[in-house]
C-alpha atoms as a PDB file:
ATOM      1  CA  MET A   1      83.603  -1.310 159.144  1.00  0.00           C
ATOM      2  CA  SER A   2      85.121   1.277 156.785  1.00  0.00           C
ATOM      3  CA  ARG A   3      83.895   4.676 155.701  1.00  0.00           C
ATOM      4  CA  VAL A   4      83.884   5.042 151.917  1.00  0.00           C
ATOM      5  CA  GLY A   5      83.639   8.578 150.573  1.00  0.00           C
ATOM      6  CA  PHE A   6      82.348   9.460 147.108  1.00  0.00           C
ATOM      7  CA  ILE A   7      83.184  12.478 144.941  1.00  0.00           C
ATOM      8  CA  LEU A   8      80.909  12.899 141.926  1.00  0.00           C
ATOM      9  CA  LYS A   9      81.330  14.291 138.440  1.00  0.00           C
ATOM     10  CA  PRO A  10      79.662  17.736 138.163  1.00  0.00           C
ATOM     11  CA  ASP A  11      77.050  16.355 135.758  1.00  0.00           C
ATOM     12  CA  LYS A  12      75.723  13.867 138.277  1.00  0.00           C
ATOM     13  CA  THR A  13      73.298  11.928 136.066  1.00  0.00           C
ATOM     14  CA  GLU A  14      75.490   8.899 135.359  1.00  0.00           C
ATOM     15  CA  ALA A  15      77.455   9.209 138.590  1.00  0.00           C
ATOM     16  CA  GLY A  16      74.222   9.370 140.558  1.00  0.00           C
ATOM     17  CA  VAL A  17      72.975   6.124 139.011  1.00  0.00           C
ATOM     18  CA  VAL A  18      76.223   4.357 139.947  1.00  0.00           C
ATOM     19  CA  LEU A  19      76.086   5.804 143.473  1.00  0.00           C
ATOM     20  CA  GLU A  20      72.513   4.614 143.994  1.00  0.00           C
ATOM     21  CA  ASP A  21      73.694   1.088 143.224  1.00  0.00           C
ATOM     22  CA  LEU A  22      76.842   1.220 145.381  1.00  0.00           C
ATOM     23  CA  VAL A  23      75.341   2.707 148.550  1.00  0.00           C
ATOM     24  CA  PRO A  24      73.044  -0.225 149.502  1.00  0.00           C
ATOM     25  CA  TRP A  25      75.739  -2.705 148.461  1.00  0.00           C
ATOM     26  CA  LEU A  26      78.279  -1.058 150.788  1.00  0.00           C
ATOM     27  CA  ARG A  27      75.721  -0.987 153.593  1.00  0.00           C
ATOM     28  CA  SER A  28      75.107  -4.699 153.105  1.00  0.00           C
ATOM     29  CA  GLN A  29      78.856  -5.270 153.506  1.00  0.00           C
ATOM     30  CA  GLY A  30      78.887  -3.354 156.788  1.00  0.00           C
ATOM     31  CA  HIS A  31      80.504  -0.159 155.448  1.00  0.00           C
ATOM     32  CA  THR A  32      79.369   3.476 155.643  1.00  0.00           C
ATOM     33  CA  PRO A  33      79.002   5.436 152.370  1.00  0.00           C
ATOM     34  CA  VAL A  34      79.793   9.164 152.705  1.00  0.00           C
ATOM     35  CA  VAL A  35      79.072  12.065 150.327  1.00  0.00           C
ATOM     36  CA  THR A  36      79.739  15.802 150.616  1.00  0.00           C
ATOM     37  CA  ASN A  37      77.138  18.502 150.974  1.00  0.00           C
ATOM     38  CA  GLU A  38      78.613  20.217 147.894  1.00  0.00           C
ATOM     39  CA  ASP A  39      77.557  17.340 145.642  1.00  0.00           C
ATOM     40  CA  GLN A  40      73.918  17.902 146.671  1.00  0.00           C
ATOM     41  CA  VAL A  41      72.982  14.238 146.512  1.00  0.00           C
ATOM     42  CA  SER A  42      71.408  12.299 149.345  1.00  0.00           C
ATOM     43  CA  PRO A  43      71.025   8.614 148.477  1.00  0.00           C
ATOM     44  CA  GLN A  44      69.259   6.695 151.193  1.00  0.00           C
ATOM     45  CA  GLY A  45      71.821   5.124 153.512  1.00  0.00           C
ATOM     46  CA  ALA A  46      74.641   7.598 152.794  1.00  0.00           C
ATOM     47  CA  GLU A  47      76.035  10.008 155.359  1.00  0.00           C
ATOM     48  CA  ILE A  48      76.423  13.638 154.287  1.00  0.00           C
ATOM     49  CA  VAL A  49      79.371  15.668 155.605  1.00  0.00           C
ATOM     50  CA  PRO A  50      80.644  19.215 154.891  1.00  0.00           C
ATOM     51  CA  GLU A  51      83.187  19.220 152.077  1.00  0.00           C
ATOM     52  CA  GLU A  52      85.889  20.725 154.311  1.00  0.00           C
ATOM     53  CA  ARG A  53      85.592  17.723 156.677  1.00  0.00           C
ATOM     54  CA  PHE A  54      85.449  15.062 153.954  1.00  0.00           C
ATOM     55  CA  GLY A  55      89.073  13.926 154.158  1.00  0.00           C
ATOM     56  CA  ASP A  56      88.921  13.639 157.950  1.00  0.00           C
ATOM     57  CA  THR A  57      85.798  11.465 157.993  1.00  0.00           C
ATOM     58  CA  ILE A  58      86.606   8.689 155.487  1.00  0.00           C
ATOM     59  CA  ASP A  59      88.993   5.756 155.133  1.00  0.00           C
ATOM     60  CA  ILE A  60      89.116   5.625 151.325  1.00  0.00           C
ATOM     61  CA  ALA A  61      87.707   7.867 148.598  1.00  0.00           C
ATOM     62  CA  VAL A  62      86.024   6.776 145.371  1.00  0.00           C
ATOM     63  CA  VAL A  63      85.831   9.149 142.409  1.00  0.00           C
ATOM     64  CA  LEU A  64      82.834   8.788 140.095  1.00  0.00           C
ATOM     65  CA  GLY A  65      83.929  10.928 137.173  1.00  0.00           C
ATOM     66  CA  GLY A  66      86.970  11.835 135.127  1.00  0.00           C
ATOM     67  CA  ASP A  67      90.333  13.422 135.731  1.00  0.00           C
ATOM     68  CA  GLY A  68      88.784  16.791 136.627  1.00  0.00           C
ATOM     69  CA  THR A  69      86.781  15.127 139.378  1.00  0.00           C
ATOM     70  CA  MET A  70      89.977  13.435 140.567  1.00  0.00           C
ATOM     71  CA  LEU A  71      91.663  16.836 140.864  1.00  0.00           C
ATOM     72  CA  ARG A  72      88.850  17.994 143.113  1.00  0.00           C
ATOM     73  CA  CYS A  73      89.105  14.847 145.203  1.00  0.00           C
ATOM     74  CA  ALA A  74      92.879  15.281 145.564  1.00  0.00           C
ATOM     75  CA  ARG A  75      92.286  18.737 146.997  1.00  0.00           C
ATOM     76  CA  LEU A  76      90.000  17.232 149.656  1.00  0.00           C
ATOM     77  CA  VAL A  77      91.855  14.083 150.752  1.00  0.00           C
ATOM     78  CA  ALA A  78      95.570  14.157 149.866  1.00  0.00           C
ATOM     79  CA  GLU A  79      96.707  16.037 152.965  1.00  0.00           C
ATOM     80  CA  GLN A  80      95.005  13.413 155.148  1.00  0.00           C
ATOM     81  CA  GLY A  81      96.700  10.595 153.204  1.00  0.00           C
ATOM     82  CA  ARG A  82      93.412   8.959 152.167  1.00  0.00           C
ATOM     83  CA  PRO A  83      93.849   6.593 149.190  1.00  0.00           C
ATOM     84  CA  VAL A  84      91.652   7.187 146.146  1.00  0.00           C
ATOM     85  CA  LEU A  85      90.050   4.768 143.696  1.00  0.00           C
ATOM     86  CA  GLY A  86      88.935   6.303 140.399  1.00  0.00           C
ATOM     87  CA  LEU A  87      85.957   4.964 138.434  1.00  0.00           C
ATOM     88  CA  ASN A  88      86.099   6.516 134.990  1.00  0.00           C
ATOM     89  CA  LEU A  89      83.028   8.400 133.782  1.00  0.00           C
ATOM     90  CA  GLY A  90      85.062  10.955 131.819  1.00  0.00           C
ATOM     91  CA  GLN A  91      86.807  11.038 128.447  1.00  0.00           C
ATOM     92  CA  LEU A  92      90.505  10.346 129.019  1.00  0.00           C
ATOM     93  CA  GLY A  93      90.696   8.767 132.448  1.00  0.00           C
ATOM     94  CA  PHE A  94      94.443   9.013 133.046  1.00  0.00           C
ATOM     95  CA  LEU A  95      93.824   9.074 136.803  1.00  0.00           C
ATOM     96  CA  THR A  96      90.541   7.182 137.012  1.00  0.00           C
ATOM     97  CA  GLY A  97      91.909   3.785 136.073  1.00  0.00           C
ATOM     98  CA  PHE A  98      88.913   1.533 136.767  1.00  0.00           C
ATOM     99  CA  GLN A  99      85.760   1.045 134.705  1.00  0.00           C
ATOM    100  CA  VAL A 100      82.289   1.274 136.235  1.00  0.00           C
ATOM    101  CA  SER A 101      81.784  -2.432 135.504  1.00  0.00           C
ATOM    102  CA  GLU A 102      84.687  -3.112 137.903  1.00  0.00           C
ATOM    103  CA  ALA A 103      83.286  -0.929 140.695  1.00  0.00           C
ATOM    104  CA  LYS A 104      82.228  -3.519 143.280  1.00  0.00           C
ATOM    105  CA  PRO A 105      85.168  -5.930 142.994  1.00  0.00           C
ATOM    106  CA  ALA A 106      87.629  -3.013 142.856  1.00  0.00           C
ATOM    107  CA  ILE A 107      86.173  -1.355 145.961  1.00  0.00           C
ATOM    108  CA  ALA A 108      86.046  -4.698 147.764  1.00  0.00           C
ATOM    109  CA  ASP A 109      89.716  -5.361 146.905  1.00  0.00           C
ATOM    110  CA  ALA A 110      90.678  -1.847 148.005  1.00  0.00           C
ATOM    111  CA  LEU A 111      88.953  -2.270 151.356  1.00  0.00           C
ATOM    112  CA  ALA A 112      90.560  -5.689 151.832  1.00  0.00           C
ATOM    113  CA  GLY A 113      94.029  -4.299 151.117  1.00  0.00           C
ATOM    114  CA  ASN A 114      94.405  -6.331 147.931  1.00  0.00           C
ATOM    115  CA  LEU A 115      94.947  -3.476 145.473  1.00  0.00           C
ATOM    116  CA  PRO A 116      98.411  -2.009 144.886  1.00  0.00           C
ATOM    117  CA  ARG A 117      98.872   1.661 145.645  1.00  0.00           C
ATOM    118  CA  THR A 118     100.944   4.310 143.926  1.00  0.00           C
ATOM    119  CA  GLU A 119     101.952   7.805 144.992  1.00  0.00           C
ATOM    120  CA  ARG A 120     101.595  10.876 142.792  1.00  0.00           C
ATOM    121  CA  MET A 121     103.682  13.935 143.574  1.00  0.00           C
ATOM    122  CA  ARG A 122     101.850  17.218 144.130  1.00  0.00           C
ATOM    123  CA  LEU A 123     102.988  20.835 143.995  1.00  0.00           C
ATOM    124  CA  ALA A 124     102.858  23.194 146.949  1.00  0.00           C
ATOM    125  CA  VAL A 125     102.008  26.548 145.346  1.00  0.00           C
ATOM    126  CA  THR A 126     102.600  29.639 147.489  1.00  0.00           C
ATOM    127  CA  TYR A 127     101.163  32.906 146.219  1.00  0.00           C
ATOM    128  CA  VAL A 128     102.516  36.112 147.792  1.00  0.00           C
ATOM    129  CA  ARG A 129     101.229  39.695 147.551  1.00  0.00           C
ATOM    130  CA  ALA A 130     102.919  42.488 149.470  1.00  0.00           C
ATOM    131  CA  GLY A 131     101.112  43.326 152.706  1.00  0.00           C
ATOM    132  CA  ALA A 132      99.011  40.142 152.662  1.00  0.00           C
ATOM    133  CA  ALA A 133      99.483  36.696 154.175  1.00  0.00           C
ATOM    134  CA  PRO A 134     100.837  34.080 151.752  1.00  0.00           C
ATOM    135  CA  VAL A 135      98.224  31.754 150.239  1.00  0.00           C
ATOM    136  CA  VAL A 136      99.145  28.083 149.804  1.00  0.00           C
ATOM    137  CA  ARG A 137      97.335  25.792 147.404  1.00  0.00           C
ATOM    138  CA  TYR A 138      98.198  22.287 146.184  1.00  0.00           C
ATOM    139  CA  ALA A 139      98.291  20.990 142.622  1.00  0.00           C
ATOM    140  CA  LEU A 140      98.172  17.423 141.394  1.00  0.00           C
ATOM    141  CA  ASN A 141      98.507  18.577 137.774  1.00  0.00           C
ATOM    142  CA  ASP A 142      99.847  22.087 137.422  1.00  0.00           C
ATOM    143  CA  ALA A 143     100.040  25.748 138.328  1.00  0.00           C
ATOM    144  CA  VAL A 144      99.688  28.178 135.429  1.00  0.00           C
ATOM    145  CA  LEU A 145     100.547  31.874 135.271  1.00  0.00           C
ATOM    146  CA  HIS A 146      98.747  33.187 132.202  1.00  0.00           C
ATOM    147  CA  GLN A 147      97.116  36.097 130.461  1.00  0.00           C
ATOM    148  CA  GLY A 148      93.464  36.324 131.382  1.00  0.00           C
ATOM    149  CA  ALA A 149      90.677  37.292 129.012  1.00  0.00           C
ATOM    150  CA  MET A 150      92.956  39.338 126.720  1.00  0.00           C
ATOM    151  CA  ALA A 151      94.798  37.598 123.872  1.00  0.00           C
ATOM    152  CA  ARG A 152      98.271  39.063 124.366  1.00  0.00           C
ATOM    153  CA  LEU A 153     101.818  38.245 125.385  1.00  0.00           C
ATOM    154  CA  ILE A 154     102.957  38.776 128.952  1.00  0.00           C
ATOM    155  CA  GLU A 155     106.493  38.898 130.326  1.00  0.00           C
ATOM    156  CA  ILE A 156     107.421  36.506 133.133  1.00  0.00           C
ATOM    157  CA  ASN A 157     110.738  36.125 134.936  1.00  0.00           C
ATOM    158  CA  ALA A 158     111.453  32.617 136.229  1.00  0.00           C
ATOM    159  CA  TYR A 159     113.991  31.659 138.911  1.00  0.00           C
ATOM    160  CA  MET A 160     115.189  28.314 140.272  1.00  0.00           C
ATOM    161  CA  ASP A 161     116.405  28.345 143.879  1.00  0.00           C
ATOM    162  CA  GLY A 162     117.027  32.075 143.513  1.00  0.00           C
ATOM    163  CA  VAL A 163     119.001  31.710 140.276  1.00  0.00           C
ATOM    164  CA  PHE A 164     117.569  33.451 137.203  1.00  0.00           C
ATOM    165  CA  VAL A 165     116.393  30.928 134.590  1.00  0.00           C
ATOM    166  CA  ALA A 166     114.794  32.927 131.789  1.00  0.00           C
ATOM    167  CA  ALA A 167     112.552  35.828 130.841  1.00  0.00           C
ATOM    168  CA  TYR A 168     109.541  34.492 128.957  1.00  0.00           C
ATOM    169  CA  ARG A 169     107.448  36.513 126.542  1.00  0.00           C
ATOM    170  CA  ALA A 170     104.512  34.178 126.093  1.00  0.00           C
ATOM    171  CA  ASP A 171     100.824  33.620 126.746  1.00  0.00           C
ATOM    172  CA  GLY A 172     101.934  32.166 130.069  1.00  0.00           C
ATOM    173  CA  VAL A 173     104.052  29.522 131.784  1.00  0.00           C
ATOM    174  CA  ILE A 174     102.958  26.086 133.098  1.00  0.00           C
ATOM    175  CA  VAL A 175     104.677  24.379 136.009  1.00  0.00           C
ATOM    176  CA  ALA A 176     103.521  20.760 136.044  1.00  0.00           C
ATOM    177  CA  THR A 177     104.008  17.566 138.027  1.00  0.00           C
ATOM    178  CA  PRO A 178     104.728  14.257 136.246  1.00  0.00           C
ATOM    179  CA  THR A 179     100.982  13.575 136.488  1.00  0.00           C
ATOM    180  CA  GLY A 180     100.250  16.951 134.894  1.00  0.00           C
ATOM    181  CA  SER A 181     102.840  16.444 132.162  1.00  0.00           C
ATOM    182  CA  THR A 182     100.193  14.663 130.052  1.00  0.00           C
ATOM    183  CA  ALA A 183      97.627  17.458 130.537  1.00  0.00           C
ATOM    184  CA  TYR A 184      97.878  21.170 129.619  1.00  0.00           C
ATOM    185  CA  SER A 185     101.680  21.037 129.632  1.00  0.00           C
ATOM    186  CA  MET A 186     101.728  18.355 126.939  1.00  0.00           C
ATOM    187  CA  ALA A 187      99.271  20.347 124.826  1.00  0.00           C
ATOM    188  CA  ALA A 188     101.680  23.304 125.063  1.00  0.00           C
ATOM    189  CA  GLY A 189     104.577  21.162 123.838  1.00  0.00           C
ATOM    190  CA  GLY A 190     105.994  20.129 127.201  1.00  0.00           C
ATOM    191  CA  PRO A 191     107.802  16.828 127.884  1.00  0.00           C
ATOM    192  CA  ILE A 192     106.065  13.691 129.142  1.00  0.00           C
ATOM    193  CA  VAL A 193     107.390  12.587 132.534  1.00  0.00           C
ATOM    194  CA  VAL A 194     106.612   9.100 133.824  1.00  0.00           C
ATOM    195  CA  PRO A 195     104.522   9.181 137.023  1.00  0.00           C
ATOM    196  CA  GLY A 196     106.495   8.199 140.090  1.00  0.00           C
ATOM    197  CA  MET A 197     109.383  10.506 139.258  1.00  0.00           C
ATOM    198  CA  THR A 198     109.933  13.537 141.467  1.00  0.00           C
ATOM    199  CA  ALA A 199     110.311  16.336 138.969  1.00  0.00           C
ATOM    200  CA  MET A 200     108.660  19.515 137.752  1.00  0.00           C
ATOM    201  CA  THR A 201     108.337  20.685 134.168  1.00  0.00           C
ATOM    202  CA  LEU A 202     108.403  24.351 133.205  1.00  0.00           C
ATOM    203  CA  THR A 203     106.689  24.934 129.856  1.00  0.00           C
ATOM    204  CA  PRO A 204     106.039  28.303 128.158  1.00  0.00           C
ATOM    205  CA  ILE A 205     102.698  28.718 126.375  1.00  0.00           C
ATOM    206  CA  CYS A 206     103.107  30.027 122.814  1.00  0.00           C
ATOM    207  CA  ALA A 207     106.496  31.594 123.570  1.00  0.00           C
ATOM    208  CA  HIS A 208     107.516  34.497 121.302  1.00  0.00           C
ATOM    209  CA  ALA A 209     111.009  33.049 120.808  1.00  0.00           C
ATOM    210  CA  LEU A 210     112.258  29.965 118.994  1.00  0.00           C
ATOM    211  CA  THR A 211     114.868  29.428 121.708  1.00  0.00           C
ATOM    212  CA  ASN A 212     112.418  29.031 124.625  1.00  0.00           C
ATOM    213  CA  ARG A 213     112.273  25.311 125.363  1.00  0.00           C
ATOM    214  CA  PRO A 214     110.543  23.356 128.149  1.00  0.00           C
ATOM    215  CA  LEU A 215     112.634  22.385 131.174  1.00  0.00           C
ATOM    216  CA  VAL A 216     112.586  19.404 133.537  1.00  0.00           C
ATOM    217  CA  ILE A 217     113.651  20.411 137.054  1.00  0.00           C
ATOM    218  CA  GLY A 218     114.238  18.492 140.269  1.00  0.00           C
ATOM    219  CA  ALA A 219     111.200  18.619 142.531  1.00  0.00           C
ATOM    220  CA  SER A 220     113.192  19.549 145.626  1.00  0.00           C
ATOM    221  CA  GLY A 221     113.986  22.935 144.124  1.00  0.00           C
ATOM    222  CA  ILE A 222     111.835  26.045 144.300  1.00  0.00           C
ATOM    223  CA  ILE A 223     110.561  27.694 141.130  1.00  0.00           C
ATOM    224  CA  ARG A 224     109.676  31.351 141.554  1.00  0.00           C
ATOM    225  CA  MET A 225     107.816  33.412 138.951  1.00  0.00           C
ATOM    226  CA  GLN A 226     106.901  37.088 138.788  1.00  0.00           C
ATOM    227  CA  LEU A 227     105.856  39.558 136.139  1.00  0.00           C
ATOM    228  CA  ALA A 228     108.643  41.412 134.333  1.00  0.00           C
ATOM    229  CA  SER A 229     106.454  44.305 133.203  1.00  0.00           C
ATOM    230  CA  ASP A 230     103.528  46.391 134.414  1.00  0.00           C
ATOM    231  CA  VAL A 231     100.666  44.424 132.889  1.00  0.00           C
ATOM    232  CA  ARG A 232      97.166  43.831 134.266  1.00  0.00           C
ATOM    233  CA  GLY A 233      94.629  41.042 133.891  1.00  0.00           C
ATOM    234  CA  VAL A 234      97.083  38.196 134.548  1.00  0.00           C
ATOM    235  CA  MET A 235      95.801  35.136 136.431  1.00  0.00           C
ATOM    236  CA  LEU A 236      97.325  32.372 138.520  1.00  0.00           C
ATOM    237  CA  THR A 237      95.413  29.082 138.216  1.00  0.00           C
ATOM    238  CA  VAL A 238      96.034  25.952 140.294  1.00  0.00           C
ATOM    239  CA  ASP A 239      94.707  22.640 138.915  1.00  0.00           C
ATOM    240  CA  ALA A 240      91.840  24.555 137.270  1.00  0.00           C
ATOM    241  CA  GLN A 241      90.300  24.451 140.773  1.00  0.00           C
ATOM    242  CA  TRP A 242      91.485  27.799 142.133  1.00  0.00           C
ATOM    243  CA  ALA A 243      92.338  31.080 140.429  1.00  0.00           C
ATOM    244  CA  HIS A 244      93.546  34.481 141.596  1.00  0.00           C
ATOM    245  CA  SER A 245      94.491  37.748 139.940  1.00  0.00           C
ATOM    246  CA  PHE A 246      98.248  38.255 139.634  1.00  0.00           C
ATOM    247  CA  LEU A 247      99.592  41.800 139.768  1.00  0.00           C
ATOM    248  CA  PRO A 248     103.010  43.381 139.211  1.00  0.00           C
ATOM    249  CA  GLY A 249     104.914  42.919 142.472  1.00  0.00           C
ATOM    250  CA  ASP A 250     103.239  39.571 143.244  1.00  0.00           C
ATOM    251  CA  HIS A 251     105.216  36.356 143.072  1.00  0.00           C
ATOM    252  CA  VAL A 252     104.480  32.648 143.229  1.00  0.00           C
ATOM    253  CA  GLU A 253     106.732  29.806 144.403  1.00  0.00           C
ATOM    254  CA  MET A 254     106.309  26.120 143.555  1.00  0.00           C
ATOM    255  CA  THR A 255     107.994  23.029 144.949  1.00  0.00           C
ATOM    256  CA  ALA A 256     107.101  19.421 145.729  1.00  0.00           C
ATOM    257  CA  ALA A 257     104.429  19.101 148.413  1.00  0.00           C
ATOM    258  CA  LYS A 258     105.358  17.059 151.477  1.00  0.00           C
ATOM    259  CA  LYS A 259     102.427  14.690 151.000  1.00  0.00           C
ATOM    260  CA  PRO A 260     101.639  12.971 147.686  1.00  0.00           C
ATOM    261  CA  LEU A 261      98.260  11.743 146.519  1.00  0.00           C
ATOM    262  CA  VAL A 262      97.831   8.004 147.093  1.00  0.00           C
ATOM    263  CA  LEU A 263      96.003   6.161 144.292  1.00  0.00           C
ATOM    264  CA  PHE A 264      94.768   2.609 144.005  1.00  0.00           C
ATOM    265  CA  GLN A 265      96.413   1.225 140.890  1.00  0.00           C
ATOM    266  CA  SER A 266      94.601  -0.695 138.176  1.00  0.00           C
ATOM    267  CA  SER A 267      96.184  -3.447 136.080  1.00  0.00           C
ATOM    268  CA  LYS A 268      96.776  -0.980 133.223  1.00  0.00           C
ATOM    269  CA  SER A 269     100.240   0.561 133.074  1.00  0.00           C
ATOM    270  CA  PHE A 270     100.927   4.226 132.319  1.00  0.00           C
ATOM    271  CA  PHE A 271     102.022   3.230 128.826  1.00  0.00           C
ATOM    272  CA  ASP A 272      98.842   1.205 128.278  1.00  0.00           C
ATOM    273  CA  VAL A 273      96.850   4.344 129.035  1.00  0.00           C
ATOM    274  CA  MET A 274      99.074   6.472 126.777  1.00  0.00           C
ATOM    275  CA  ARG A 275      98.550   4.104 123.854  1.00  0.00           C
ATOM    276  CA  ASP A 276      94.843   3.666 124.523  1.00  0.00           C
ATOM    277  CA  LYS A 277      93.878   7.270 125.215  1.00  0.00           C
ATOM    278  CA  LEU A 278      96.390   9.312 123.208  1.00  0.00           C
ATOM    279  CA  HIS A 279      97.457   6.731 120.582  1.00  0.00           C
ATOM    280  CA  TRP A 280     101.044   7.301 121.706  1.00  0.00           C
ATOM    281  CA  GLY A 281     103.513   5.138 119.814  1.00  0.00           C
ATOM    282  CA  ALA A 282     100.730   3.538 117.778  1.00  0.00           C
ATOM    283  CA  ARG A 283     101.739   2.114 114.416  1.00  0.00           C
ATOM    284  CA  GLY A 284      99.866   3.179 111.336  1.00  0.00           C
ATOM    285  CA  ALA A 285      97.733   0.632 109.491  1.00  0.00           C
ATOM    286  CA  ARG A 286      99.600  -1.301 106.840  1.00  0.00           C
END
């Protein structure tokens, strides 16, 4: 008997319908469905656990949602090494590679060990403020140092393994994983990095210089960023799941996390998804 955990899309209408169908089916197969108390759903036959204990109480996780829901799930289960199967209820679905119509056979194959797995690198993001204990958060997509509510340029100094890289005058700077290279970083003009590589991209947002170009950096290095001027209202955001004010004198360091996220892999390749979702490399009609 396996314990199958579910993480639901914030708008739970469609996800709730799918969950109501999967819970009795899993029970009939001898498995235990598990949901978190944060999702505030209680389908008959499902066990409810506190969100902070979710990763410790399941064998596999199933995401009912889109890529944003997957980011939340990664935060809950990656450190425990729990593999994740994504059922796409979102728009793009880069990380949620299975369709709802495939739910039962995909889950059955995952539980039987018949689905291939892939590992996605994460970032360990360490935020430091003088006089306070360091705060560590993990990112599957990216960490972003950016101007907050004000539309203005900020000045950021970036270092790689203690060596000065550049001073950016920009709306902010994105440090992304290969998985995150097709998210905010790509929208800001950053490079696309094939998942499975161990690299970080450093991409300025609306840089006030024609010479500021994105960088691809080895993931074993440590990127350090701090403000170069006395400016207020700056924010540090990690995977759009956690945010904190960032003051002059603060610094943040990013490197590859020790544990990746483990995903069940669908039959679609990364390039299939790129062509399907973003029309990458598509030929124009003749």
